[in-house]
């Protein structure tokens, strides 16, 4: 049990991350804070904090996943409630940070919504943010408060090594140029080479494979990305790898968004396994036999303990 002579620690959860929050609380040997977030008849968020948080170090766990706007608004209202209840410090633990892909102007007059969301979270009263695998590292600079960005690679690599994927014929594959750094970090853990899928996007959520850079002939390929949304990138990439002579293809990511046709595309694809983390809660009936969800409670609990006790979070990446 964590304790401090200066202030106590309390863990609370929004509706989007109840299961993960319960697992984190159990790891820290702390009870989950007593709170409720409901809706008024017109859809407005209603929050009730049922215990004192005065002078406490509050960690609020809430992914801003689907429905994104509802979960984001719930997060903001809960932060405001803790601030007005005189919490000493409020850390927004956002396992999956929605709007992260809107981080730059791709066209004239585009908004940079990720920066807007960062500003709103800060204005609501958060003193710190703890998240996992932001879509791009520069998003950390969008916040004017401290932010710790945990790496999902640490959890994913442990699962694959434990399940026998560390072999001489393994190749780590980046599904696009933007994922090369992530693929290289994963490849280091396996002492494996990397390959890159050269693609283009003629329009949103549509991907076309142009070329494969690297030797994947007769190899077991592991595609890695930060998220799988509609699964077009991963499944088309897997098909292209098999057509070019790969022995097998599996995939992994931190955030299983799994929108629209994602599940059916995965089922119909040559992918053997798709390993995702539990940063986004999935209804049991949504997952298919190819998808495996790996828990992250240990990593988040370690990070929360380090933040609370003023220890280095970067040690978790060593």
Protein backbone atom coordinates (compact mmCIF):
# COMPACT_ATOMS: atom_id res chain seq x y z
CA UNK A 1 0.00 0.00 0.00
CA UNK A 2 1.41 3.38 -1.01
CA UNK A 3 1.38 6.06 1.68
CA UNK A 4 2.91 9.47 2.30
CA UNK A 5 3.08 11.80 5.30
CA UNK A 6 2.27 14.69 2.96
CA UNK A 7 -0.74 13.51 1.00
CA UNK A 8 -2.62 10.32 0.23
CA UNK A 9 -3.03 8.76 -3.21
CA UNK A 10 -6.41 7.98 -4.73
CA UNK A 11 -7.24 6.18 -7.97
CA UNK A 12 -10.47 6.99 -9.81
CA UNK A 13 -11.90 5.74 -13.10
CA UNK A 14 -14.09 7.09 -15.83
CA UNK A 15 -16.57 4.82 -17.55
CA UNK A 16 -14.22 4.12 -20.48
CA UNK A 17 -11.50 2.45 -18.39
CA UNK A 18 -13.19 0.76 -15.41
CA UNK A 19 -11.58 -2.66 -15.92
CA UNK A 20 -8.07 -1.28 -16.38
CA UNK A 21 -8.49 1.03 -13.38
CA UNK A 22 -9.60 -1.88 -11.20
CA UNK A 23 -6.55 -3.91 -12.27
CA UNK A 24 -4.20 -0.97 -11.60
CA UNK A 25 -5.75 -0.40 -8.16
CA UNK A 26 -5.31 -4.09 -7.33
CA UNK A 27 -1.63 -3.94 -8.34
CA UNK A 28 -1.13 -0.90 -6.09
CA UNK A 29 -3.18 -2.54 -3.30
CA UNK A 30 -5.49 0.47 -3.21
CA UNK A 31 -9.29 0.66 -3.32
CA UNK A 32 -10.75 2.25 -6.43
CA UNK A 33 -12.17 5.68 -5.60
CA UNK A 34 -15.91 6.00 -5.17
CA UNK A 35 -17.27 8.12 -8.02
CA UNK A 36 -19.99 8.03 -10.64
CA UNK A 37 -20.30 9.61 -14.06
CA UNK A 38 -23.78 9.46 -15.55
CA UNK A 39 -25.84 11.42 -18.07
CA UNK A 40 -28.74 13.78 -17.65
CA UNK A 41 -31.78 13.22 -19.85
CA UNK A 42 -30.39 15.58 -22.51
CA UNK A 43 -27.01 13.82 -22.59
CA UNK A 44 -25.03 16.21 -20.39
CA UNK A 45 -22.37 14.61 -18.18
CA UNK A 46 -23.17 14.41 -14.46
CA UNK A 47 -20.33 13.57 -12.06
CA UNK A 48 -20.57 12.66 -8.39
CA UNK A 49 -17.38 12.22 -6.31
CA UNK A 50 -18.54 10.32 -3.24
CA UNK A 51 -15.45 10.68 -1.02
CA UNK A 52 -13.12 13.45 0.04
CA UNK A 53 -10.09 14.20 -2.13
CA UNK A 54 -8.92 17.33 -0.30
CA UNK A 55 -5.13 17.43 -0.35
CA UNK A 56 -4.91 14.10 -2.19
CA UNK A 57 -2.79 13.03 -5.14
CA UNK A 58 -5.55 11.97 -7.56
CA UNK A 59 -4.97 9.70 -10.58
CA UNK A 60 -7.96 9.67 -12.93
CA UNK A 61 -7.93 6.81 -15.46
CA UNK A 62 -9.94 7.41 -18.63
CA UNK A 63 -9.23 6.59 -22.28
CA UNK A 64 -10.74 8.98 -24.80
CA UNK A 65 -11.83 6.16 -27.10
CA UNK A 66 -15.17 5.56 -28.81
CA UNK A 67 -17.46 7.40 -28.15
CA UNK A 68 -14.58 9.87 -28.20
CA UNK A 69 -16.42 13.10 -27.46
CA UNK A 70 -18.48 11.60 -24.63
CA UNK A 71 -15.42 10.08 -22.95
CA UNK A 72 -13.37 13.24 -23.41
CA UNK A 73 -16.11 15.40 -21.89
CA UNK A 74 -16.44 12.95 -18.98
CA UNK A 75 -12.69 13.23 -18.38
CA UNK A 76 -12.84 17.04 -18.37
CA UNK A 77 -15.83 17.22 -16.02
CA UNK A 78 -14.23 14.78 -13.57
CA UNK A 79 -10.97 16.75 -13.58
CA UNK A 80 -12.94 19.92 -12.83
CA UNK A 81 -14.78 18.16 -9.99
CA UNK A 82 -11.49 17.08 -8.37
CA UNK A 83 -10.00 20.56 -8.77
CA UNK A 84 -13.01 22.19 -7.10
CA UNK A 85 -12.86 19.55 -4.35
CA UNK A 86 -9.31 20.78 -3.51
CA UNK A 87 -7.28 17.80 -4.73
CA UNK A 88 -3.59 18.60 -4.30
CA UNK A 89 -2.52 17.21 -7.68
CA UNK A 90 -4.55 15.69 -10.53
CA UNK A 91 -2.91 13.31 -12.98
CA UNK A 92 -5.00 12.44 -16.02
CA UNK A 93 -4.10 8.84 -16.90
CA UNK A 94 -5.18 8.54 -20.54
CA UNK A 95 -4.15 5.07 -21.81
CA UNK A 96 -5.43 5.94 -25.29
CA UNK A 97 -5.31 9.62 -26.28
CA UNK A 98 -8.02 10.34 -28.85
CA UNK A 99 -7.62 13.03 -31.54
CA UNK A 100 -3.87 12.28 -31.59
CA UNK A 101 -3.87 11.77 -35.37
CA UNK A 102 -4.98 15.37 -35.93
CA UNK A 103 -1.55 16.69 -34.97
CA UNK A 104 -0.67 18.81 -38.03
CA UNK A 105 -2.16 20.70 -40.96
CA UNK A 106 -2.32 18.31 -43.90
CA UNK A 107 -4.42 20.75 -45.93
CA UNK A 108 -5.14 24.46 -45.86
CA UNK A 109 -7.52 25.50 -43.06
CA UNK A 110 -7.19 22.16 -41.21
CA UNK A 111 -7.44 22.36 -37.40
CA UNK A 112 -4.74 20.93 -35.13
CA UNK A 113 -7.23 19.24 -32.85
CA UNK A 114 -4.67 17.34 -30.78
CA UNK A 115 -3.27 20.66 -29.55
CA UNK A 116 -6.79 21.92 -28.82
CA UNK A 117 -7.55 18.82 -26.71
CA UNK A 118 -4.24 19.20 -24.85
CA UNK A 119 -5.12 22.81 -24.02
CA UNK A 120 -8.62 21.86 -22.83
CA UNK A 121 -7.30 19.11 -20.52
CA UNK A 122 -4.83 21.60 -19.01
CA UNK A 123 -7.50 24.30 -18.66
CA UNK A 124 -9.82 21.83 -16.92
CA UNK A 125 -7.26 21.52 -14.12
CA UNK A 126 -4.99 18.53 -14.84
CA UNK A 127 -1.51 18.99 -13.38
CA UNK A 128 0.05 16.06 -15.21
CA UNK A 129 -0.75 13.52 -17.95
CA UNK A 130 0.24 9.86 -18.12
CA UNK A 131 -0.47 8.14 -21.43
CA UNK A 132 0.79 5.35 -23.69
CA UNK A 133 2.17 5.38 -27.23
CA UNK A 134 1.10 8.77 -28.50
CA UNK A 135 0.57 8.68 -32.26
CA UNK A 136 3.62 10.92 -32.69
CA UNK A 137 6.23 11.87 -30.06
CA UNK A 138 5.94 15.60 -30.76
CA UNK A 139 2.46 15.54 -29.18
CA UNK A 140 4.27 15.73 -25.84
CA UNK A 141 5.13 19.32 -26.72
CA UNK A 142 1.44 20.19 -27.13
CA UNK A 143 1.00 20.07 -23.34
CA UNK A 144 2.15 22.88 -21.06
CA UNK A 145 2.18 20.46 -18.11
CA UNK A 146 4.41 17.40 -17.50
CA UNK A 147 3.55 14.38 -19.63
CA UNK A 148 4.84 10.80 -19.36
CA UNK A 149 4.44 8.70 -22.51
CA UNK A 150 4.77 4.96 -21.77
CA UNK A 151 5.95 2.62 -24.51
CA UNK A 152 3.70 -0.31 -25.39
CA UNK A 153 6.66 -2.08 -27.01
CA UNK A 154 7.84 -3.21 -23.58
CA UNK A 155 4.62 -5.14 -22.94
CA UNK A 156 4.17 -6.42 -26.50
CA UNK A 157 7.75 -7.69 -26.84
CA UNK A 158 7.48 -9.63 -23.57
CA UNK A 159 4.35 -11.38 -24.85
CA UNK A 160 5.93 -12.36 -28.17
CA UNK A 161 9.19 -13.53 -26.58
CA UNK A 162 7.24 -15.58 -24.01
CA UNK A 163 5.26 -17.17 -26.84
CA UNK A 164 8.28 -18.24 -28.87
CA UNK A 165 8.55 -15.51 -31.51
CA UNK A 166 12.25 -14.77 -30.87
CA UNK A 167 13.65 -16.82 -33.77
CA UNK A 168 16.33 -16.36 -36.43
CA UNK A 169 13.77 -16.02 -39.23
CA UNK A 170 11.77 -13.19 -37.61
CA UNK A 171 11.50 -9.81 -39.35
CA UNK A 172 9.86 -6.77 -37.73
CA UNK A 173 7.86 -4.82 -40.31
CA UNK A 174 6.88 -1.15 -40.23
CA UNK A 175 3.54 -0.71 -42.06
CA UNK A 176 4.64 2.77 -43.19
CA UNK A 177 7.62 5.11 -43.01
CA UNK A 178 6.19 6.83 -39.92
CA UNK A 179 6.41 3.57 -37.95
CA UNK A 180 10.09 2.89 -38.66
CA UNK A 181 11.33 4.18 -35.30
CA UNK A 182 8.78 2.03 -33.46
CA UNK A 183 9.74 -1.03 -35.55
CA UNK A 184 13.44 -0.45 -34.94
CA UNK A 185 12.87 -0.26 -31.17
CA UNK A 186 10.95 -3.55 -31.28
CA UNK A 187 13.58 -5.18 -33.51
CA UNK A 188 16.27 -4.34 -30.96
CA UNK A 189 14.47 -6.47 -28.36
CA UNK A 190 14.48 -9.46 -30.74
CA UNK A 191 17.86 -8.75 -32.38
CA UNK A 192 15.94 -8.99 -35.66
CA UNK A 193 16.10 -7.08 -38.97
CA UNK A 194 13.34 -4.72 -40.08
CA UNK A 195 11.41 -4.22 -43.31
CA UNK A 196 9.25 -1.28 -44.41
CA UNK A 197 6.04 -1.18 -46.40
CA UNK A 198 6.01 1.80 -48.73
CA UNK A 199 2.41 2.94 -49.04
CA UNK A 200 0.28 5.87 -50.08
CA UNK A 201 -3.12 7.10 -48.95
CA UNK A 202 -5.30 8.34 -51.81
CA UNK A 203 -7.91 9.32 -49.19
CA UNK A 204 -8.64 8.91 -45.47
CA UNK A 205 -8.73 5.30 -44.20
CA UNK A 206 -7.65 3.99 -47.62
CA UNK A 207 -4.14 2.54 -48.11
CA UNK A 208 -2.34 1.24 -51.17
CA UNK A 209 0.91 -0.77 -50.91
CA UNK A 210 3.50 0.49 -53.38
CA UNK A 211 6.63 -1.48 -52.44
CA UNK A 212 8.27 -3.56 -49.68
CA UNK A 213 11.74 -2.51 -48.57
CA UNK A 214 13.76 -5.31 -46.98
CA UNK A 215 14.15 -9.09 -47.16
CA UNK A 216 10.97 -10.89 -46.10
CA UNK A 217 11.28 -13.95 -48.39
CA UNK A 218 10.67 -17.09 -46.33
CA UNK A 219 10.51 -15.07 -43.10
CA UNK A 220 8.03 -14.85 -40.25
CA UNK A 221 6.90 -11.23 -40.25
CA UNK A 222 5.63 -9.19 -37.32
CA UNK A 223 3.86 -5.95 -38.25
CA UNK A 224 3.88 -3.28 -35.54
CA UNK A 225 1.91 -0.03 -35.32
CA UNK A 226 0.66 2.28 -32.59
CA UNK A 227 -3.01 1.58 -33.38
CA UNK A 228 -5.31 -0.47 -35.57
CA UNK A 229 -8.41 1.49 -36.55
CA UNK A 230 -10.24 0.15 -39.60
CA UNK A 231 -7.42 -2.44 -40.08
CA UNK A 232 -6.92 -1.51 -43.73
CA UNK A 233 -3.21 -0.76 -43.31
CA UNK A 234 -2.43 -3.93 -41.37
CA UNK A 235 -4.48 -6.36 -43.47
CA UNK A 236 -3.34 -4.98 -46.84
CA UNK A 237 0.21 -4.97 -45.55
CA UNK A 238 -0.13 -8.60 -44.48
CA UNK A 239 -1.49 -9.59 -47.90
CA UNK A 240 1.38 -7.80 -49.65
CA UNK A 241 3.95 -9.54 -47.43
CA UNK A 242 2.48 -12.98 -48.16
CA UNK A 243 2.39 -12.23 -51.89
CA UNK A 244 6.08 -11.29 -51.73
CA UNK A 245 7.01 -14.62 -50.14
CA UNK A 246 6.67 -14.21 -46.38
CA UNK A 247 6.25 -17.47 -44.45
CA UNK A 248 3.70 -16.03 -41.99
CA UNK A 249 2.46 -12.65 -40.80
CA UNK A 250 1.27 -11.54 -37.36
CA UNK A 251 0.62 -8.01 -36.13
CA UNK A 252 0.59 -6.04 -32.91
CA UNK A 253 -0.30 -2.58 -31.71
CA UNK A 254 -0.87 -0.66 -28.49
CA UNK A 255 -4.36 0.59 -29.25
CA UNK A 256 -7.07 -1.62 -30.70
CA UNK A 257 -9.50 1.02 -31.98
CA UNK A 258 -11.11 -1.57 -34.29
CA UNK A 259 -13.64 0.66 -36.02
CA UNK A 260 -16.17 -0.31 -38.68
CA UNK A 261 -15.02 -3.28 -40.79
CA UNK A 262 -11.84 -3.92 -38.75
CA UNK A 263 -12.85 -7.26 -37.21
CA UNK A 264 -14.10 -8.73 -40.48
CA UNK A 265 -11.00 -7.54 -42.34
CA UNK A 266 -8.77 -9.23 -39.76
CA UNK A 267 -10.78 -12.45 -39.99
CA UNK A 268 -10.55 -12.44 -43.80
CA UNK A 269 -6.83 -11.58 -43.88
CA UNK A 270 -3.76 -13.88 -43.84
CA UNK A 271 -2.83 -12.57 -40.39
CA UNK A 272 -2.25 -15.42 -37.94
CA UNK A 273 -2.52 -13.32 -34.77
CA UNK A 274 -3.20 -9.71 -33.86
CA UNK A 275 -1.98 -8.76 -30.39
CA UNK A 276 -3.35 -5.56 -28.85
CA UNK A 277 -3.05 -3.95 -25.42
CA UNK A 278 -6.00 -3.20 -23.14
CA UNK A 279 -5.70 0.60 -23.38
CA UNK A 280 -9.17 0.50 -24.97
CA UNK A 281 -11.80 -1.73 -23.38
CA UNK A 282 -13.25 -4.21 -25.85
CA UNK A 283 -16.63 -5.89 -25.46
CA UNK A 284 -16.09 -9.66 -25.47
CA UNK A 285 -18.41 -10.18 -28.41
CA UNK A 286 -16.37 -7.72 -30.51
CA UNK A 287 -13.09 -9.64 -30.48
CA UNK A 288 -12.45 -12.52 -32.87
CA UNK A 289 -10.33 -15.65 -32.42
CA UNK A 290 -7.29 -14.04 -34.07
CA UNK A 291 -7.18 -11.11 -31.63
CA UNK A 292 -5.36 -11.42 -28.30
CA UNK A 293 -5.53 -8.67 -25.67
CA UNK A 294 -2.56 -8.23 -23.32
CA UNK A 295 -2.89 -6.38 -19.97
CA UNK A 296 -0.98 -3.17 -19.18
CA UNK A 297 -1.92 -2.76 -15.50
CA UNK A 298 1.58 -3.66 -14.27
CA UNK A 299 3.23 -0.94 -16.36
CA UNK A 300 0.69 1.74 -15.47
CA UNK A 301 0.84 0.80 -11.78
CA UNK A 302 4.63 1.08 -11.80
CA UNK A 303 4.44 4.47 -13.51
CA UNK A 304 1.81 5.77 -11.07
CA UNK A 305 3.90 4.63 -8.10
CA UNK A 306 6.97 6.37 -9.51
CA UNK A 307 5.08 9.60 -10.17
CA UNK A 308 3.60 9.55 -6.67
CA UNK A 309 6.96 8.89 -4.99
CA UNK A 310 8.88 11.29 -7.28
CA UNK A 311 11.02 8.60 -8.90
CA UNK A 312 12.13 8.49 -12.53
CA UNK A 313 9.53 7.10 -14.92
CA UNK A 314 12.16 6.73 -17.66
CA UNK A 315 13.67 3.85 -15.68
CA UNK A 316 10.70 1.77 -16.87
CA UNK A 317 12.11 1.88 -20.42
CA UNK A 318 15.56 0.54 -19.54
